Amino acid sequence: MTVIVTGGSRGIGRSVVERLSATGVPVLFTHSASDAEARELEERLGPQVRGVRLDITGDDAPGLLFDLAEELGEVSGLVNNAGITGRIGPFTDLADDDLRRIVEVNLVAPVRLCREAARRWKGRPGKAIVTVSSVAARTGSPGEYVAYAATKGAVETMTVGLAKELAPSVRVNAVSPGFIDTTIHARAGEPGRAFRLAEQRVPLRRPGEPGEIADAIVWLLSEQASYVNGAVLEVTGGL
């Protein structure tokens, strides 16, 4: 079983790669610009883990990614983790180029990767897809990330539809994280956002850790979740 993980050099994706590797699963992960982090992960985890710098929105990205992963072994899992928020702020401040990029990375790329998986896996049972959504799909993230929230709502709908269409060969699920302590907040302009919002709104009074989300993703990929299909699993601390 080889698993593809998009956005695997940092944050939640990195934790997914580490946990899969620890169980002996070969992993091909993508990254967009974090060469040093990707190289460190490869060197530490060994030859069964391979990183590739790839724009997942590229025309040939889905086919290329699956071809590369198949060099490590039969591909049985896909984790759509890569995502961008855009800069934090009012919806009216969002430029057209930013909006297009958010939609391309967060929605179009996962749809195309799921389509590639469905075509290659037709009639081959035991496959699984997990897409990383966000609690923003439920809250709408007003004043901060409305476009991002909209794309996450869309991938949750995709999850439900594909779970019904691709069964029984492929199980399709999603994980919806709450406020998680990763660098995505710093890249959007507010490094302490997860801590600020967790203190205000999360019953557990803390942000989540990337590994706590990774554990849910790896479980959904596993046979332990063999009867879970079409689910959006919230890991939000009670938010």
C-alpha atoms as a PDB file:
ATOM      1  CA  MET A   1       0.000   0.000   0.000  1.00  0.00           C
ATOM      2  CA  THR A   2       1.500   3.311  -1.140  1.00  0.00           C
ATOM      3  CA  VAL A   3      -0.161   6.558  -0.123  1.00  0.00           C
ATOM      4  CA  ILE A   4      -0.007   9.932  -1.874  1.00  0.00           C
ATOM      5  CA  VAL A   5      -0.055  12.941   0.463  1.00  0.00           C
ATOM      6  CA  THR A   6      -0.278  16.437  -1.001  1.00  0.00           C
ATOM      7  CA  GLY A   7       1.335  19.189   1.017  1.00  0.00           C
ATOM      8  CA  GLY A   8       3.394  16.727   3.006  1.00  0.00           C
ATOM      9  CA  SER A   9       6.428  18.721   4.119  1.00  0.00           C
ATOM     10  CA  ARG A  10       4.803  20.853   6.820  1.00  0.00           C
ATOM     11  CA  GLY A  11       2.073  20.852   9.423  1.00  0.00           C
ATOM     12  CA  ILE A  12      -0.684  18.259   9.204  1.00  0.00           C
ATOM     13  CA  GLY A  13       0.674  16.716   6.012  1.00  0.00           C
ATOM     14  CA  ARG A  14       4.097  16.205   7.555  1.00  0.00           C
ATOM     15  CA  SER A  15       2.551  14.441  10.538  1.00  0.00           C
ATOM     16  CA  VAL A  16       0.566  12.186   8.190  1.00  0.00           C
ATOM     17  CA  VAL A  17       3.750  11.230   6.333  1.00  0.00           C
ATOM     18  CA  GLU A  18       5.548  10.481   9.599  1.00  0.00           C
ATOM     19  CA  ARG A  19       2.730   8.322  10.968  1.00  0.00           C
ATOM     20  CA  LEU A  20       2.286   6.354   7.761  1.00  0.00           C
ATOM     21  CA  SER A  21       6.021   5.767   7.494  1.00  0.00           C
ATOM     22  CA  ALA A  22       6.127   4.535  11.101  1.00  0.00           C
ATOM     23  CA  THR A  23       3.700   1.754  10.141  1.00  0.00           C
ATOM     24  CA  GLY A  24       5.811   0.738   7.135  1.00  0.00           C
ATOM     25  CA  VAL A  25       3.647   2.378   4.473  1.00  0.00           C
ATOM     26  CA  PRO A  26       5.524   3.899   1.494  1.00  0.00           C
ATOM     27  CA  VAL A  27       4.584   7.535   0.913  1.00  0.00           C
ATOM     28  CA  LEU A  28       4.961   9.973  -1.948  1.00  0.00           C
ATOM     29  CA  PHE A  29       4.346  13.525  -0.779  1.00  0.00           C
ATOM     30  CA  THR A  30       4.238  16.822  -2.602  1.00  0.00           C
ATOM     31  CA  HIS A  31       5.441  20.246  -1.578  1.00  0.00           C
ATOM     32  CA  SER A  32       5.406  23.573  -3.366  1.00  0.00           C
ATOM     33  CA  ALA A  33       8.549  25.339  -2.159  1.00  0.00           C
ATOM     34  CA  SER A  34       9.862  23.768   1.061  1.00  0.00           C
ATOM     35  CA  ASP A  35      12.902  21.933  -0.302  1.00  0.00           C
ATOM     36  CA  ALA A  36      14.832  21.830   2.982  1.00  0.00           C
ATOM     37  CA  GLU A  37      11.914  20.446   4.989  1.00  0.00           C
ATOM     38  CA  ALA A  38      11.180  17.849   2.308  1.00  0.00           C
ATOM     39  CA  ARG A  39      14.795  16.722   2.152  1.00  0.00           C
ATOM     40  CA  GLU A  40      14.991  16.401   5.955  1.00  0.00           C
ATOM     41  CA  LEU A  41      11.853  14.265   5.963  1.00  0.00           C
ATOM     42  CA  GLU A  42      13.193  11.976   3.234  1.00  0.00           C
ATOM     43  CA  GLU A  43      16.570  11.547   4.922  1.00  0.00           C
ATOM     44  CA  ARG A  44      15.075  10.872   8.340  1.00  0.00           C
ATOM     45  CA  LEU A  45      12.325   8.469   7.255  1.00  0.00           C
ATOM     46  CA  GLY A  46      14.255   6.557   4.622  1.00  0.00           C
ATOM     47  CA  PRO A  47      13.813   5.344   1.038  1.00  0.00           C
ATOM     48  CA  GLN A  48      10.149   4.406   1.428  1.00  0.00           C
ATOM     49  CA  VAL A  49       9.333   8.127   1.695  1.00  0.00           C
ATOM     50  CA  ARG A  50       9.813  10.333  -1.335  1.00  0.00           C
ATOM     51  CA  GLY A  51       9.055  14.014  -1.803  1.00  0.00           C
ATOM     52  CA  VAL A  52       8.401  15.813  -5.057  1.00  0.00           C
ATOM     53  CA  ARG A  53       8.235  19.547  -5.642  1.00  0.00           C
ATOM     54  CA  LEU A  54       5.080  19.921  -7.693  1.00  0.00           C
ATOM     55  CA  ASP A  55       2.380  22.474  -8.417  1.00  0.00           C
ATOM     56  CA  ILE A  56      -0.683  20.306  -7.894  1.00  0.00           C
ATOM     57  CA  THR A  57      -2.736  22.650 -10.072  1.00  0.00           C
ATOM     58  CA  GLY A  58      -0.599  21.889 -13.147  1.00  0.00           C
ATOM     59  CA  ASP A  59      -2.223  20.297 -16.176  1.00  0.00           C
ATOM     60  CA  ASP A  60      -0.193  17.086 -15.900  1.00  0.00           C
ATOM     61  CA  ALA A  61       0.005  16.967 -12.091  1.00  0.00           C
ATOM     62  CA  PRO A  62      -2.520  14.174 -11.363  1.00  0.00           C
ATOM     63  CA  GLY A  63      -1.088  11.690 -13.843  1.00  0.00           C
ATOM     64  CA  LEU A  64       2.516  12.522 -12.994  1.00  0.00           C
ATOM     65  CA  LEU A  65       1.881  12.186  -9.279  1.00  0.00           C
ATOM     66  CA  PHE A  66       0.279   8.763  -9.580  1.00  0.00           C
ATOM     67  CA  ASP A  67       2.998   7.557 -11.951  1.00  0.00           C
ATOM     68  CA  LEU A  68       5.703   8.580  -9.483  1.00  0.00           C
ATOM     69  CA  ALA A  69       3.861   7.001  -6.557  1.00  0.00           C
ATOM     70  CA  GLU A  70       3.457   3.716  -8.413  1.00  0.00           C
ATOM     71  CA  GLU A  71       7.246   3.456  -8.546  1.00  0.00           C
ATOM     72  CA  LEU A  72       7.067   2.878  -4.772  1.00  0.00           C
ATOM     73  CA  GLY A  73       4.339   0.253  -5.058  1.00  0.00           C
ATOM     74  CA  GLU A  74       0.632  -0.123  -5.719  1.00  0.00           C
ATOM     75  CA  VAL A  75      -1.165   3.073  -4.719  1.00  0.00           C
ATOM     76  CA  SER A  76      -3.999   2.432  -2.293  1.00  0.00           C
ATOM     77  CA  GLY A  77      -4.507   5.794  -0.614  1.00  0.00           C
ATOM     78  CA  LEU A  78      -4.775   9.478  -1.453  1.00  0.00           C
ATOM     79  CA  VAL A  79      -4.682  12.290   1.100  1.00  0.00           C
ATOM     80  CA  ASN A  80      -5.743  15.668  -0.284  1.00  0.00           C
ATOM     81  CA  ASN A  81      -4.072  17.868   2.302  1.00  0.00           C
ATOM     82  CA  ALA A  82      -2.475  20.760   0.401  1.00  0.00           C
ATOM     83  CA  GLY A  83      -4.358  24.005   0.852  1.00  0.00           C
ATOM     84  CA  ILE A  84      -3.999  27.771   1.084  1.00  0.00           C
ATOM     85  CA  THR A  85      -6.073  30.350   2.937  1.00  0.00           C
ATOM     86  CA  GLY A  86      -5.071  33.541   1.213  1.00  0.00           C
ATOM     87  CA  ARG A  87      -4.214  36.539   3.350  1.00  0.00           C
ATOM     88  CA  ILE A  88      -6.416  37.001   6.387  1.00  0.00           C
ATOM     89  CA  GLY A  89      -8.878  39.871   6.061  1.00  0.00           C
ATOM     90  CA  PRO A  90     -12.212  41.043   4.664  1.00  0.00           C
ATOM     91  CA  PHE A  91     -13.615  39.326   1.600  1.00  0.00           C
ATOM     92  CA  THR A  92     -13.603  42.631  -0.294  1.00  0.00           C
ATOM     93  CA  ASP A  93      -9.807  42.824  -0.034  1.00  0.00           C
ATOM     94  CA  LEU A  94      -9.350  39.590  -1.996  1.00  0.00           C
ATOM     95  CA  ALA A  95      -7.798  40.139  -5.431  1.00  0.00           C
ATOM     96  CA  ASP A  96      -8.961  38.100  -8.430  1.00  0.00           C
ATOM     97  CA  ASP A  97      -5.620  36.308  -8.717  1.00  0.00           C
ATOM     98  CA  ASP A  98      -5.759  35.344  -5.037  1.00  0.00           C
ATOM     99  CA  LEU A  99      -9.312  34.061  -5.401  1.00  0.00           C
ATOM    100  CA  ARG A 100      -8.454  31.962  -8.436  1.00  0.00           C
ATOM    101  CA  ARG A 101      -5.441  30.449  -6.669  1.00  0.00           C
ATOM    102  CA  ILE A 102      -7.467  29.554  -3.558  1.00  0.00           C
ATOM    103  CA  VAL A 103     -10.078  27.788  -5.677  1.00  0.00           C
ATOM    104  CA  GLU A 104      -7.488  26.042  -7.867  1.00  0.00           C
ATOM    105  CA  VAL A 105      -5.432  24.684  -4.957  1.00  0.00           C
ATOM    106  CA  ASN A 106      -8.211  23.882  -2.485  1.00  0.00           C
ATOM    107  CA  LEU A 107     -10.936  22.604  -4.793  1.00  0.00           C
ATOM    108  CA  VAL A 108      -9.955  22.025  -8.408  1.00  0.00           C
ATOM    109  CA  ALA A 109      -6.746  20.144  -7.591  1.00  0.00           C
ATOM    110  CA  PRO A 110      -8.421  17.691  -5.163  1.00  0.00           C
ATOM    111  CA  VAL A 111     -11.256  17.084  -7.627  1.00  0.00           C
ATOM    112  CA  ARG A 112      -8.772  16.289 -10.393  1.00  0.00           C
ATOM    113  CA  LEU A 113      -6.702  14.023  -8.136  1.00  0.00           C
ATOM    114  CA  CYS A 114      -9.828  12.169  -7.035  1.00  0.00           C
ATOM    115  CA  ARG A 115     -10.782  11.738 -10.684  1.00  0.00           C
ATOM    116  CA  GLU A 116      -7.351  10.327 -11.484  1.00  0.00           C
ATOM    117  CA  ALA A 117      -7.647   7.928  -8.557  1.00  0.00           C
ATOM    118  CA  ALA A 118     -11.134   6.829  -9.598  1.00  0.00           C
ATOM    119  CA  ARG A 119     -10.000   6.105 -13.145  1.00  0.00           C
ATOM    120  CA  ARG A 120      -6.975   4.091 -12.026  1.00  0.00           C
ATOM    121  CA  TRP A 121      -8.770   2.254  -9.226  1.00  0.00           C
ATOM    122  CA  LYS A 122     -11.913   1.230 -11.068  1.00  0.00           C
ATOM    123  CA  GLY A 123     -12.768  -2.346 -10.103  1.00  0.00           C
ATOM    124  CA  ARG A 124      -9.843  -2.571  -7.666  1.00  0.00           C
ATOM    125  CA  PRO A 125     -11.135  -2.790  -4.073  1.00  0.00           C
ATOM    126  CA  GLY A 126      -9.441  -1.692  -0.886  1.00  0.00           C
ATOM    127  CA  LYS A 127      -8.688   1.917  -1.810  1.00  0.00           C
ATOM    128  CA  ALA A 128      -9.266   5.038   0.280  1.00  0.00           C
ATOM    129  CA  ILE A 129      -9.336   8.810  -0.167  1.00  0.00           C
ATOM    130  CA  VAL A 130      -9.220  11.321   2.680  1.00  0.00           C
ATOM    131  CA  THR A 131      -9.550  15.042   2.029  1.00  0.00           C
ATOM    132  CA  VAL A 132      -8.674  17.670   4.614  1.00  0.00           C
ATOM    133  CA  SER A 133     -11.498  20.151   5.048  1.00  0.00           C
ATOM    134  CA  SER A 134     -11.832  22.771   7.809  1.00  0.00           C
ATOM    135  CA  VAL A 135     -14.275  23.869  10.467  1.00  0.00           C
ATOM    136  CA  ALA A 136     -14.451  27.025   8.341  1.00  0.00           C
ATOM    137  CA  ALA A 137     -16.803  25.097   6.048  1.00  0.00           C
ATOM    138  CA  ARG A 138     -19.317  25.243   8.908  1.00  0.00           C
ATOM    139  CA  THR A 139     -18.508  28.662  10.379  1.00  0.00           C
ATOM    140  CA  GLY A 140     -17.942  30.544   7.096  1.00  0.00           C
ATOM    141  CA  SER A 141     -14.918  32.333   8.630  1.00  0.00           C
ATOM    142  CA  PRO A 142     -16.382  35.858   8.201  1.00  0.00           C
ATOM    143  CA  GLY A 143     -13.904  38.697   8.072  1.00  0.00           C
ATOM    144  CA  GLU A 144     -11.000  36.307   7.659  1.00  0.00           C
ATOM    145  CA  TYR A 145     -11.184  33.488   5.090  1.00  0.00           C
ATOM    146  CA  VAL A 146     -14.589  33.400   3.391  1.00  0.00           C
ATOM    147  CA  ALA A 147     -13.283  32.156   0.033  1.00  0.00           C
ATOM    148  CA  TYR A 148     -11.209  29.478   1.760  1.00  0.00           C
ATOM    149  CA  ALA A 149     -14.271  28.428   3.751  1.00  0.00           C
ATOM    150  CA  ALA A 150     -16.299  28.164   0.561  1.00  0.00           C
ATOM    151  CA  THR A 151     -13.780  25.790  -1.019  1.00  0.00           C
ATOM    152  CA  LYS A 152     -13.804  23.609   2.092  1.00  0.00           C
ATOM    153  CA  GLY A 153     -17.582  23.411   1.981  1.00  0.00           C
ATOM    154  CA  ALA A 154     -17.284  22.273  -1.607  1.00  0.00           C
ATOM    155  CA  VAL A 155     -14.804  19.483  -0.848  1.00  0.00           C
ATOM    156  CA  GLU A 156     -17.121  18.182   1.869  1.00  0.00           C
ATOM    157  CA  THR A 157     -19.902  17.950  -0.716  1.00  0.00           C
ATOM    158  CA  MET A 158     -17.472  16.214  -3.083  1.00  0.00           C
ATOM    159  CA  THR A 159     -16.663  13.735  -0.323  1.00  0.00           C
ATOM    160  CA  VAL A 160     -20.299  12.771   0.160  1.00  0.00           C
ATOM    161  CA  GLY A 161     -20.938  12.409  -3.565  1.00  0.00           C
ATOM    162  CA  LEU A 162     -17.802  10.418  -4.370  1.00  0.00           C
ATOM    163  CA  ALA A 163     -18.320   8.131  -1.384  1.00  0.00           C
ATOM    164  CA  LYS A 164     -21.595   7.019  -2.936  1.00  0.00           C
ATOM    165  CA  GLU A 165     -20.366   6.933  -6.534  1.00  0.00           C
ATOM    166  CA  LEU A 166     -17.067   5.110  -6.014  1.00  0.00           C
ATOM    167  CA  ALA A 167     -18.186   2.524  -3.448  1.00  0.00           C
ATOM    168  CA  PRO A 168     -17.576  -0.301  -2.855  1.00  0.00           C
ATOM    169  CA  SER A 169     -14.064  -0.156  -4.366  1.00  0.00           C
ATOM    170  CA  VAL A 170     -13.073   3.196  -2.869  1.00  0.00           C
ATOM    171  CA  ARG A 171     -13.955   4.641   0.516  1.00  0.00           C
ATOM    172  CA  VAL A 172     -14.044   8.449   0.530  1.00  0.00           C
ATOM    173  CA  ASN A 173     -13.991  10.506   3.722  1.00  0.00           C
ATOM    174  CA  ALA A 174     -12.875  13.885   5.013  1.00  0.00           C
ATOM    175  CA  VAL A 175     -11.381  15.276   8.201  1.00  0.00           C
ATOM    176  CA  SER A 176     -12.436  18.731   9.365  1.00  0.00           C
ATOM    177  CA  PRO A 177      -9.815  20.261  11.685  1.00  0.00           C
ATOM    178  CA  GLY A 178     -10.518  23.153  14.014  1.00  0.00           C
ATOM    179  CA  PHE A 179      -7.867  25.668  15.012  1.00  0.00           C
ATOM    180  CA  ILE A 180      -4.564  23.837  14.605  1.00  0.00           C
ATOM    181  CA  ASP A 181      -1.122  25.115  15.564  1.00  0.00           C
ATOM    182  CA  THR A 182       0.598  25.129  12.176  1.00  0.00           C
ATOM    183  CA  THR A 183       2.493  27.683  10.093  1.00  0.00           C
ATOM    184  CA  ILE A 184      -0.524  28.276   7.840  1.00  0.00           C
ATOM    185  CA  HIS A 185      -1.602  31.104  10.171  1.00  0.00           C
ATOM    186  CA  ALA A 186       1.759  32.846   9.954  1.00  0.00           C
ATOM    187  CA  ARG A 187       1.707  32.618   6.175  1.00  0.00           C
ATOM    188  CA  ALA A 188      -1.715  34.284   6.208  1.00  0.00           C
ATOM    189  CA  GLY A 189      -0.474  37.124   8.409  1.00  0.00           C
ATOM    190  CA  GLU A 190      -1.348  36.177  12.018  1.00  0.00           C
ATOM    191  CA  PRO A 191       0.999  33.624  13.627  1.00  0.00           C
ATOM    192  CA  GLY A 192      -0.944  33.438  16.893  1.00  0.00           C
ATOM    193  CA  ARG A 193      -4.408  33.058  15.370  1.00  0.00           C
ATOM    194  CA  ALA A 194      -4.947  29.432  16.450  1.00  0.00           C
ATOM    195  CA  PHE A 195      -4.161  30.281  20.085  1.00  0.00           C
ATOM    196  CA  ARG A 196      -6.285  33.443  20.080  1.00  0.00           C
ATOM    197  CA  LEU A 197      -9.367  31.731  18.694  1.00  0.00           C
ATOM    198  CA  ALA A 198      -8.941  28.556  20.725  1.00  0.00           C
ATOM    199  CA  GLU A 199      -8.900  30.522  23.958  1.00  0.00           C
ATOM    200  CA  GLN A 200     -12.055  32.372  22.932  1.00  0.00           C
ATOM    201  CA  ARG A 201     -14.103  29.600  21.346  1.00  0.00           C
ATOM    202  CA  VAL A 202     -12.811  26.058  21.911  1.00  0.00           C
ATOM    203  CA  PRO A 203     -14.119  24.199  24.988  1.00  0.00           C
ATOM    204  CA  LEU A 204     -10.745  22.476  25.442  1.00  0.00           C
ATOM    205  CA  ARG A 205      -9.128  25.937  25.559  1.00  0.00           C
ATOM    206  CA  ARG A 206      -6.235  25.106  23.291  1.00  0.00           C
ATOM    207  CA  PRO A 207      -5.493  24.697  19.593  1.00  0.00           C
ATOM    208  CA  GLY A 208      -5.032  21.231  18.170  1.00  0.00           C
ATOM    209  CA  GLU A 209      -1.688  19.723  17.267  1.00  0.00           C
ATOM    210  CA  PRO A 210      -0.957  18.521  13.694  1.00  0.00           C
ATOM    211  CA  GLY A 211      -0.463  14.977  14.954  1.00  0.00           C
ATOM    212  CA  GLU A 212      -3.977  14.908  16.384  1.00  0.00           C
ATOM    213  CA  ILE A 213      -5.374  15.531  12.907  1.00  0.00           C
ATOM    214  CA  ALA A 214      -2.927  13.108  11.306  1.00  0.00           C
ATOM    215  CA  ASP A 215      -4.093  10.333  13.614  1.00  0.00           C
ATOM    216  CA  ALA A 216      -7.657  10.776  12.358  1.00  0.00           C
ATOM    217  CA  ILE A 217      -6.528  10.756   8.728  1.00  0.00           C
ATOM    218  CA  VAL A 218      -4.409   7.636   9.102  1.00  0.00           C
ATOM    219  CA  TRP A 219      -7.275   5.879  10.886  1.00  0.00           C
ATOM    220  CA  LEU A 220      -9.645   6.675   8.013  1.00  0.00           C
ATOM    221  CA  LEU A 221      -7.137   5.214   5.555  1.00  0.00           C
ATOM    222  CA  SER A 222      -6.847   2.013   7.567  1.00  0.00           C
ATOM    223  CA  GLU A 223      -8.898  -1.164   7.699  1.00  0.00           C
ATOM    224  CA  GLN A 224      -9.984  -0.131  11.178  1.00  0.00           C
ATOM    225  CA  ALA A 225     -12.270   2.324   9.396  1.00  0.00           C
ATOM    226  CA  SER A 226     -13.470  -0.221   6.827  1.00  0.00           C
ATOM    227  CA  TYR A 227     -17.141   0.651   7.350  1.00  0.00           C
ATOM    228  CA  VAL A 228     -16.648   4.428   7.387  1.00  0.00           C
ATOM    229  CA  ASN A 229     -17.603   6.024   4.074  1.00  0.00           C
ATOM    230  CA  GLY A 230     -18.882   9.501   3.226  1.00  0.00           C
ATOM    231  CA  ALA A 231     -18.044  10.845   6.680  1.00  0.00           C
ATOM    232  CA  VAL A 232     -16.738  14.281   7.585  1.00  0.00           C
ATOM    233  CA  LEU A 233     -14.909  13.660  10.851  1.00  0.00           C
ATOM    234  CA  GLU A 234     -14.599  16.802  12.965  1.00  0.00           C
ATOM    235  CA  VAL A 235     -11.468  17.140  15.088  1.00  0.00           C
ATOM    236  CA  THR A 236     -12.118  20.524  16.634  1.00  0.00           C
ATOM    237  CA  GLY A 237     -11.855  20.302  20.416  1.00  0.00           C
ATOM    238  CA  GLY A 238     -15.612  20.717  20.642  1.00  0.00           C
ATOM    239  CA  LEU A 239     -15.871  23.919  18.603  1.00  0.00           C
END
